[in-house]
Amino acid sequence: MSETKLNVLDLFCGCGGLSQGFLDADYNVILGVDFEEAALKTFKHNHKDSDVLLADLSKEEAIDEIAESIGNQKVDIVIGGPPCQGFSLTGSRDINDTRNTLYLAVVKAVRKFRPKAFLIENVPGIATLYNGTVKQQIINTFEDMGYNVSVSPKPLLAADYGVPQMRKRMFFVGIEKGYGSFEFPEPKYTPERYVTCSEAINDLPSRENEFGLEKDEYVKQPQSQYQEIMRKNSNKLYNHVASKHTDQVKWVISQVPEGGNHKDLPPGVGDSRKFNEAWTRYNSKKPSRTIDTGHRNHFHYKYNRVPTVRENARLQSFRDDFVFLGTRTQQNRQVGNAVPPLLSFNLAKAIHQHFQDVKNGTKKVKDIEQLNLELNI
């Protein structure tokens, strides 16, 4: 995309879904920071040219640990998805309260490294939390620091960008003042053309009678364009291990029709789980529901079992050469917590295009010769 790649710092990086999208868009991810050791092992295994740092971002010393790890490298973009638990509202202007420790990690990193841009991902509820006050505090805090902050007008739907999943997330993108305001990329897919569960995973072995076995062979050729993309550069199949269920659980699953849930079960069946997502079977002709950090509530559209880590990774748009490490519980958590790489890729491309437009004079926001020197892209 350019001779000089932009350097990325990924906070709350998890296994590296957000970073993967930026790497695919030709950025250089210099450091991933997280408190989960298993997730960092996965991050490092798949992003071999990036460094990792095990750090508690709620602690005051974390920013100094990051600075020491980065050394003299310039940070062009800070990205991350901090949890929103614990927000306090001591004032209406900013979020600089010590109890907002996780978001403050992003604030401190932006203040410390003065990147050209930052990107924050969060759950849709962040937009309405405390009647929208938290959203406005985030905007105010970063605007006071010298950034034009753009918020996705509504939660971005992953399926709109080619991900076979109805996952919705809010995004904040800040651009250093003087370089204009970011515009979010338009959807690439319409509901009629969404990538479906079947198009995502129907080439994978059934594992119906191979519970707990790790086999790395593909048994079918790619059945869709999406599968061809997912299998690019991959000769072996990793993380495709089926969980073993009791006969009772398999029988209950068998009673759920494709695309159905606990509401479709006969009276008295599956009463141990009656919440919204319980006993949900994927629909082969639609994208999946939101992949979560567990693996007990969603089931394969055809087989009477929970999806494998690889199946959920496909539904999250992780390519097959992305290998998840740790226990299967840790792997499921890593997949569920991740930003879909394909959604991240679309945002990363749009951010880069923004700076290219500024450099080329398409967006005339200040003296173009000075911008070319500052942007260096």
Protein backbone atom coordinates (compact mmCIF):
# COMPACT_ATOMS: atom_id res chain seq x y z
CA MET A 1 0.00 0.00 0.00
CA SER A 2 2.96 2.29 0.66
CA GLU A 3 6.72 2.15 0.92
CA THR A 4 6.63 3.25 4.54
CA LYS A 5 4.25 1.21 6.66
CA LEU A 6 2.38 2.84 9.52
CA ASN A 7 3.27 1.45 12.96
CA VAL A 8 0.44 0.09 15.13
CA LEU A 9 0.22 -0.39 18.90
CA ASP A 10 -2.56 -2.84 19.85
CA LEU A 11 -3.91 -2.55 23.41
CA PHE A 12 -6.16 -5.27 24.89
CA CYS A 13 -4.99 -7.21 21.84
CA GLY A 14 -6.24 -10.66 22.81
CA CYS A 15 -5.25 -13.24 20.22
CA GLY A 16 -4.85 -10.55 17.56
CA GLY A 17 -7.99 -10.30 15.42
CA LEU A 18 -7.82 -6.52 15.22
CA SER A 19 -4.10 -6.66 14.50
CA GLN A 20 -4.64 -9.27 11.80
CA GLY A 21 -6.84 -6.89 9.85
CA PHE A 22 -4.23 -4.13 10.05
CA LEU A 23 -1.45 -6.52 9.02
CA ASP A 24 -3.51 -7.65 6.03
CA ALA A 25 -3.93 -3.97 5.12
CA ASP A 26 -0.12 -3.61 5.09
CA TYR A 27 0.46 -1.93 8.44
CA ASN A 28 3.29 -2.88 10.81
CA VAL A 29 2.05 -4.04 14.22
CA ILE A 30 4.95 -3.36 16.55
CA LEU A 31 3.42 -4.48 19.87
CA GLY A 32 0.39 -6.31 21.25
CA VAL A 33 -0.44 -5.78 24.94
CA ASP A 34 -2.76 -7.93 27.04
CA PHE A 35 -3.19 -9.54 30.47
CA GLU A 36 -4.10 -13.01 29.14
CA GLU A 37 -0.96 -15.09 28.71
CA ALA A 38 -2.61 -17.76 26.53
CA ALA A 39 -3.98 -15.09 24.18
CA LEU A 40 -0.54 -13.49 23.88
CA LYS A 41 1.00 -16.85 22.98
CA THR A 42 -1.55 -17.14 20.17
CA PHE A 43 -0.85 -13.54 19.13
CA LYS A 44 2.91 -14.12 18.95
CA HIS A 45 2.57 -17.48 17.18
CA ASN A 46 0.57 -15.86 14.38
CA HIS A 47 2.22 -12.41 14.31
CA LYS A 48 5.85 -13.46 14.40
CA ASP A 49 7.23 -10.04 13.45
CA SER A 50 5.33 -8.31 16.27
CA ASP A 51 6.38 -8.14 19.90
CA VAL A 52 4.05 -8.88 22.82
CA LEU A 53 3.86 -7.52 26.34
CA LEU A 54 2.08 -9.17 29.27
CA ALA A 55 0.80 -6.19 31.25
CA ASP A 56 -2.16 -5.14 33.36
CA LEU A 57 -3.44 -2.04 31.55
CA SER A 58 -5.38 -0.96 34.62
CA LYS A 59 -2.09 -0.32 36.42
CA GLU A 60 -0.33 3.05 36.42
CA GLU A 61 3.01 1.56 35.42
CA ALA A 62 1.64 -0.14 32.28
CA ILE A 63 2.26 2.87 30.03
CA ASP A 64 5.93 2.99 31.10
CA GLU A 65 6.28 -0.74 30.40
CA ILE A 66 4.85 -0.16 26.91
CA ALA A 67 7.20 2.76 26.26
CA GLU A 68 10.19 0.69 27.35
CA SER A 69 9.11 -2.22 25.14
CA ILE A 70 8.62 0.03 22.09
CA GLY A 71 11.89 1.92 22.54
CA ASN A 72 12.53 4.47 19.81
CA GLN A 73 9.89 3.14 17.41
CA LYS A 74 7.27 5.66 16.36
CA VAL A 75 3.61 4.81 17.02
CA ASP A 76 1.39 5.98 14.17
CA ILE A 77 -1.87 4.36 15.27
CA VAL A 78 -3.17 3.07 18.61
CA ILE A 79 -5.91 0.44 18.36
CA GLY A 80 -7.80 -1.58 20.95
CA GLY A 81 -11.06 -2.70 22.48
CA PRO A 82 -11.03 -1.91 26.21
CA PRO A 83 -13.85 -3.34 28.33
CA CYS A 84 -16.35 -0.72 29.49
CA GLN A 85 -17.00 -2.11 32.98
CA GLY A 86 -16.61 0.28 35.86
CA PHE A 87 -17.33 3.56 34.15
CA SER A 88 -17.92 6.32 36.67
CA LEU A 89 -19.42 9.69 35.90
CA THR A 90 -17.84 12.31 38.13
CA GLY A 91 -18.13 15.01 35.48
CA SER A 92 -19.57 15.59 32.05
CA ARG A 93 -16.41 16.68 30.28
CA ASP A 94 -14.09 13.68 30.15
CA ILE A 95 -13.36 10.17 31.38
CA ASN A 96 -10.23 11.04 33.33
CA ASP A 97 -11.45 9.45 36.54
CA THR A 98 -9.18 6.87 38.15
CA ARG A 99 -12.01 4.32 38.21
CA ASN A 100 -12.17 4.33 34.42
CA THR A 101 -8.84 2.55 34.40
CA LEU A 102 -9.23 0.48 31.26
CA TYR A 103 -10.30 3.30 28.97
CA LEU A 104 -7.67 5.49 30.60
CA ALA A 105 -5.04 3.09 29.27
CA VAL A 106 -6.00 4.15 25.74
CA VAL A 107 -6.11 7.81 26.76
CA LYS A 108 -2.64 7.58 28.32
CA ALA A 109 -1.22 5.75 25.31
CA VAL A 110 -2.56 8.38 22.91
CA ARG A 111 -1.27 11.19 25.13
CA LYS A 112 2.14 9.50 25.48
CA PHE A 113 2.79 8.54 21.85
CA ARG A 114 0.77 11.19 19.99
CA PRO A 115 -0.23 8.89 17.11
CA LYS A 116 -1.72 10.20 13.87
CA ALA A 117 -4.86 8.20 14.62
CA PHE A 118 -6.51 5.81 17.05
CA LEU A 119 -9.29 3.24 16.81
CA ILE A 120 -11.42 1.97 19.69
CA GLU A 121 -13.83 -0.97 19.40
CA ASN A 122 -16.62 -1.72 21.86
CA VAL A 123 -20.01 -3.31 22.33
CA PRO A 124 -23.08 -1.49 20.94
CA GLY A 125 -24.24 -0.56 24.43
CA ILE A 126 -21.36 1.90 24.85
CA ALA A 127 -23.33 4.36 22.68
CA THR A 128 -26.30 4.46 25.06
CA LEU A 129 -24.59 3.78 28.39
CA TYR A 130 -25.78 6.36 30.93
CA ASN A 131 -27.99 7.91 28.24
CA GLY A 132 -25.04 8.46 25.92
CA THR A 133 -22.92 10.31 28.48
CA VAL A 134 -20.03 7.82 28.26
CA LYS A 135 -19.93 8.10 24.47
CA GLN A 136 -19.79 11.88 24.72
CA GLN A 137 -17.11 11.74 27.40
CA ILE A 138 -14.92 9.63 25.13
CA ILE A 139 -15.40 12.12 22.30
CA ASN A 140 -14.73 15.11 24.56
CA THR A 141 -11.60 13.58 26.11
CA PHE A 142 -9.88 12.91 22.81
CA GLU A 143 -11.03 16.13 21.16
CA ASP A 144 -9.50 18.04 24.06
CA MET A 145 -6.28 16.13 23.32
CA GLY A 146 -6.25 17.37 19.72
CA TYR A 147 -8.16 14.75 17.73
CA ASN A 148 -11.21 14.87 15.50
CA VAL A 149 -13.30 11.94 16.72
CA SER A 150 -15.70 10.07 14.44
CA VAL A 151 -18.16 7.56 15.87
CA SER A 152 -19.86 4.95 13.72
CA PRO A 153 -23.39 6.38 13.19
CA LYS A 154 -24.72 3.01 14.30
CA PRO A 155 -22.99 -0.22 15.31
CA LEU A 156 -21.09 -1.69 12.37
CA LEU A 157 -22.51 -5.06 11.31
CA ALA A 158 -19.74 -7.53 10.48
CA ALA A 159 -21.89 -9.24 7.81
CA ASP A 160 -21.94 -5.96 5.85
CA TYR A 161 -18.19 -6.37 5.34
CA GLY A 162 -18.07 -10.01 4.29
CA VAL A 163 -17.95 -11.70 7.70
CA PRO A 164 -20.47 -14.58 8.00
CA GLN A 165 -21.72 -13.32 11.35
CA MET A 166 -24.37 -10.88 12.58
CA ARG A 167 -21.94 -9.27 15.01
CA LYS A 168 -22.46 -5.58 15.85
CA ARG A 169 -19.81 -3.34 17.36
CA MET A 170 -19.30 0.40 17.90
CA PHE A 171 -16.11 2.09 16.73
CA PHE A 172 -14.46 5.39 17.58
CA VAL A 173 -11.79 6.65 15.18
CA GLY A 174 -9.72 9.70 16.03
CA ILE A 175 -7.64 11.62 13.50
CA GLU A 176 -5.13 14.22 14.62
CA LYS A 177 -6.57 17.70 14.11
CA GLY A 178 -5.33 19.26 10.91
CA TYR A 179 -5.84 16.01 9.00
CA GLY A 180 -9.60 16.13 8.60
CA SER A 181 -12.27 13.78 9.98
CA PHE A 182 -12.59 10.08 9.30
CA GLU A 183 -15.50 8.66 7.32
CA PHE A 184 -16.48 5.05 7.98
CA PRO A 185 -16.41 2.68 4.99
CA GLU A 186 -19.71 1.91 3.31
CA PRO A 187 -21.06 -1.66 3.61
CA LYS A 188 -19.69 -4.01 0.97
CA TYR A 189 -22.49 -6.59 1.12
CA THR A 190 -26.29 -6.45 1.17
CA PRO A 191 -28.45 -8.92 3.15
CA GLU A 192 -29.19 -10.88 -0.02
CA ARG A 193 -25.46 -11.47 -0.53
CA TYR A 194 -24.28 -12.05 3.05
CA VAL A 195 -21.82 -14.92 3.41
CA THR A 196 -23.75 -17.77 5.05
CA CYS A 197 -22.75 -20.37 7.62
CA SER A 198 -22.78 -23.04 4.94
CA GLU A 199 -20.56 -20.97 2.64
CA ALA A 200 -18.20 -20.50 5.57
CA ILE A 201 -17.79 -24.03 6.96
CA ASN A 202 -19.43 -26.74 4.83
CA ASP A 203 -16.05 -27.93 3.51
CA LEU A 204 -14.87 -28.91 7.00
CA PRO A 205 -15.02 -32.57 8.14
CA SER A 206 -18.13 -33.43 10.16
CA ARG A 207 -16.30 -34.77 13.24
CA GLU A 208 -19.68 -36.34 14.08
CA ASN A 209 -18.04 -39.51 15.39
CA GLU A 210 -14.54 -38.22 16.03
CA PHE A 211 -14.94 -36.42 19.35
CA GLY A 212 -11.73 -35.15 20.89
CA LEU A 213 -9.57 -36.21 17.94
CA GLU A 214 -7.14 -33.80 16.31
CA LYS A 215 -6.88 -34.51 12.57
CA ASP A 216 -5.27 -32.06 10.20
CA GLU A 217 -6.52 -33.22 6.79
CA TYR A 218 -9.02 -31.47 4.58
CA VAL A 219 -11.47 -33.96 3.07
CA LYS A 220 -13.13 -31.64 0.53
CA GLN A 221 -12.09 -28.98 -1.90
CA PRO A 222 -13.29 -25.42 -1.12
CA GLN A 223 -17.01 -25.16 -1.81
CA SER A 224 -17.23 -21.34 -1.97
CA GLN A 225 -15.14 -18.27 -2.70
CA TYR A 226 -15.09 -17.48 1.03
CA GLN A 227 -13.60 -20.91 1.78
CA GLU A 228 -10.93 -20.38 -0.86
CA ILE A 229 -9.93 -17.20 0.96
CA MET A 230 -10.00 -18.92 4.35
CA ARG A 231 -7.80 -21.77 3.11
CA LYS A 232 -5.25 -19.56 1.40
CA ASN A 233 -1.68 -20.53 2.44
CA SER A 234 -3.03 -23.40 4.56
CA ASN A 235 -2.21 -27.04 3.87
CA LYS A 236 -3.29 -28.37 7.25
CA LEU A 237 -6.44 -28.03 9.32
CA TYR A 238 -5.91 -26.84 12.90
CA ASN A 239 -8.24 -26.45 15.91
CA HIS A 240 -11.02 -28.55 14.34
CA VAL A 241 -11.73 -30.78 17.35
CA ALA A 242 -15.28 -31.74 18.32
CA SER A 243 -16.51 -31.68 21.91
CA LYS A 244 -18.09 -34.84 23.27
CA HIS A 245 -21.66 -34.50 24.53
CA THR A 246 -23.77 -36.86 26.56
CA ASP A 247 -26.48 -38.78 24.75
CA GLN A 248 -29.07 -36.62 26.53
CA VAL A 249 -27.50 -33.36 25.30
CA LYS A 250 -27.21 -34.71 21.75
CA TRP A 251 -30.85 -35.75 21.86
CA VAL A 252 -31.94 -32.26 22.98
CA ILE A 253 -29.87 -30.65 20.24
CA SER A 254 -31.47 -32.97 17.70
CA GLN A 255 -34.88 -31.56 18.65
CA VAL A 256 -33.90 -28.01 17.65
CA PRO A 257 -34.69 -27.21 14.01
CA GLU A 258 -32.16 -25.42 11.83
CA GLY A 259 -32.17 -21.75 12.78
CA GLY A 260 -34.21 -22.46 15.92
CA ASN A 261 -33.57 -22.17 19.64
CA HIS A 262 -34.99 -23.21 23.02
CA LYS A 263 -38.40 -21.83 22.07
CA ASP A 264 -38.71 -24.55 19.44
CA LEU A 265 -38.13 -27.43 21.86
CA PRO A 266 -41.02 -29.65 22.96
CA PRO A 267 -42.48 -28.90 26.42
CA GLY A 268 -40.23 -30.16 29.19
CA VAL A 269 -37.17 -30.54 26.96
CA GLY A 270 -34.02 -28.49 27.59
CA ASP A 271 -35.48 -26.75 30.64
CA SER A 272 -32.03 -26.29 32.17
CA ARG A 273 -31.37 -23.48 29.68
CA LYS A 274 -34.14 -21.04 28.80
CA PHE A 275 -32.36 -17.73 28.18
CA ASN A 276 -32.27 -15.91 24.85
CA GLU A 277 -29.30 -17.66 23.22
CA ALA A 278 -29.93 -21.12 24.69
CA TRP A 279 -30.04 -24.12 22.38
CA THR A 280 -29.52 -21.99 19.26
CA ARG A 281 -28.84 -23.92 16.08
CA TYR A 282 -27.14 -22.04 13.25
CA ASN A 283 -28.99 -21.53 9.98
CA SER A 284 -26.98 -22.79 7.02
CA LYS A 285 -28.50 -20.14 4.74
CA LYS A 286 -27.73 -17.15 6.97
CA PRO A 287 -24.74 -15.70 8.80
CA SER A 288 -24.27 -16.93 12.36
CA ARG A 289 -25.38 -15.18 15.50
CA THR A 290 -22.64 -13.37 17.43
CA ILE A 291 -19.85 -15.76 18.40
CA ASP A 292 -19.38 -15.53 22.17
CA THR A 293 -16.57 -16.55 24.50
CA GLY A 294 -18.27 -19.78 25.54
CA HIS A 295 -19.30 -22.70 23.40
CA ARG A 296 -22.32 -24.27 25.09
CA ASN A 297 -25.27 -22.40 23.60
CA HIS A 298 -24.80 -22.48 19.82
CA PHE A 299 -24.86 -25.60 17.67
CA HIS A 300 -23.89 -26.65 14.18
CA TYR A 301 -26.67 -26.23 11.62
CA LYS A 302 -26.41 -29.91 10.64
CA TYR A 303 -24.53 -31.86 13.30
CA ASN A 304 -25.69 -32.39 16.88
CA ARG A 305 -22.71 -30.73 18.55
CA VAL A 306 -21.28 -27.34 19.38
CA PRO A 307 -19.08 -25.80 16.66
CA THR A 308 -15.37 -26.49 16.81
CA VAL A 309 -12.89 -23.70 17.46
CA ARG A 310 -12.04 -23.71 13.74
CA GLU A 311 -15.68 -23.43 12.69
CA ASN A 312 -16.19 -20.42 14.97
CA ALA A 313 -12.90 -18.96 13.78
CA ARG A 314 -14.16 -19.23 10.19
CA LEU A 315 -17.37 -17.47 11.23
CA GLN A 316 -15.16 -14.74 12.72
CA SER A 317 -13.17 -14.54 9.40
CA PHE A 318 -9.90 -15.94 10.78
CA ARG A 319 -8.07 -17.75 7.99
CA ASP A 320 -7.16 -21.39 8.56
CA ASP A 321 -3.45 -20.61 8.90
CA PHE A 322 -4.25 -18.67 12.09
CA VAL A 323 -3.61 -21.24 14.84
CA PHE A 324 -5.10 -20.91 18.33
CA LEU A 325 -3.04 -22.06 21.32
CA GLY A 326 -3.99 -22.98 24.88
CA THR A 327 -6.78 -25.17 26.24
CA ARG A 328 -9.94 -25.47 24.20
CA THR A 329 -11.73 -23.21 26.70
CA GLN A 330 -9.00 -20.59 26.24
CA GLN A 331 -9.18 -20.98 22.46
CA ASN A 332 -12.95 -20.44 22.46
CA ARG A 333 -12.51 -17.35 24.61
CA GLN A 334 -9.87 -15.99 22.25
CA VAL A 335 -12.10 -16.48 19.22
CA GLY A 336 -15.18 -14.99 20.88
CA ASN A 337 -13.37 -11.92 22.22
CA ALA A 338 -11.73 -11.05 18.92
CA VAL A 339 -12.62 -8.37 16.40
CA PRO A 340 -13.31 -10.14 13.08
CA PRO A 341 -10.12 -9.65 11.02
CA LEU A 342 -12.10 -8.93 7.85
CA LEU A 343 -14.01 -6.10 9.56
CA SER A 344 -10.74 -4.77 10.96
CA PHE A 345 -9.18 -4.96 7.48
CA ASN A 346 -11.93 -2.75 6.00
CA LEU A 347 -11.44 -0.14 8.74
CA ALA A 348 -7.65 -0.26 8.42
CA LYS A 349 -7.88 0.30 4.66
CA ALA A 350 -10.26 3.23 5.16
CA ILE A 351 -7.91 4.88 7.68
CA HIS A 352 -4.97 4.51 5.32
CA GLN A 353 -7.03 5.86 2.43
CA HIS A 354 -7.95 8.88 4.54
CA PHE A 355 -4.29 9.79 4.98
CA GLN A 356 -3.55 9.10 1.31
CA ASP A 357 -6.37 11.47 0.31
CA VAL A 358 -4.92 14.13 2.60
CA LYS A 359 -1.44 13.60 1.18
CA ASN A 360 -2.69 13.72 -2.41
CA GLY A 361 -4.71 16.87 -1.82
CA THR A 362 -8.13 15.25 -2.16
CA LYS A 363 -8.82 16.46 1.36
CA LYS A 364 -7.33 19.94 1.64
CA VAL A 365 -7.05 20.46 5.36
CA LYS A 366 -3.77 22.40 5.56
CA ASP A 367 -0.63 23.13 3.54
CA ILE A 368 -0.07 20.01 1.44
CA GLU A 369 3.74 20.18 1.34
CA GLN A 370 3.84 20.32 5.12
CA LEU A 371 1.44 17.38 5.29
CA ASN A 372 3.61 15.28 2.99
CA LEU A 373 6.54 15.85 5.32
CA GLU A 374 4.49 15.01 8.43
CA LEU A 375 2.65 11.99 7.06
CA ASN A 376 5.68 10.40 5.40
CA ILE A 377 3.49 7.88 3.55
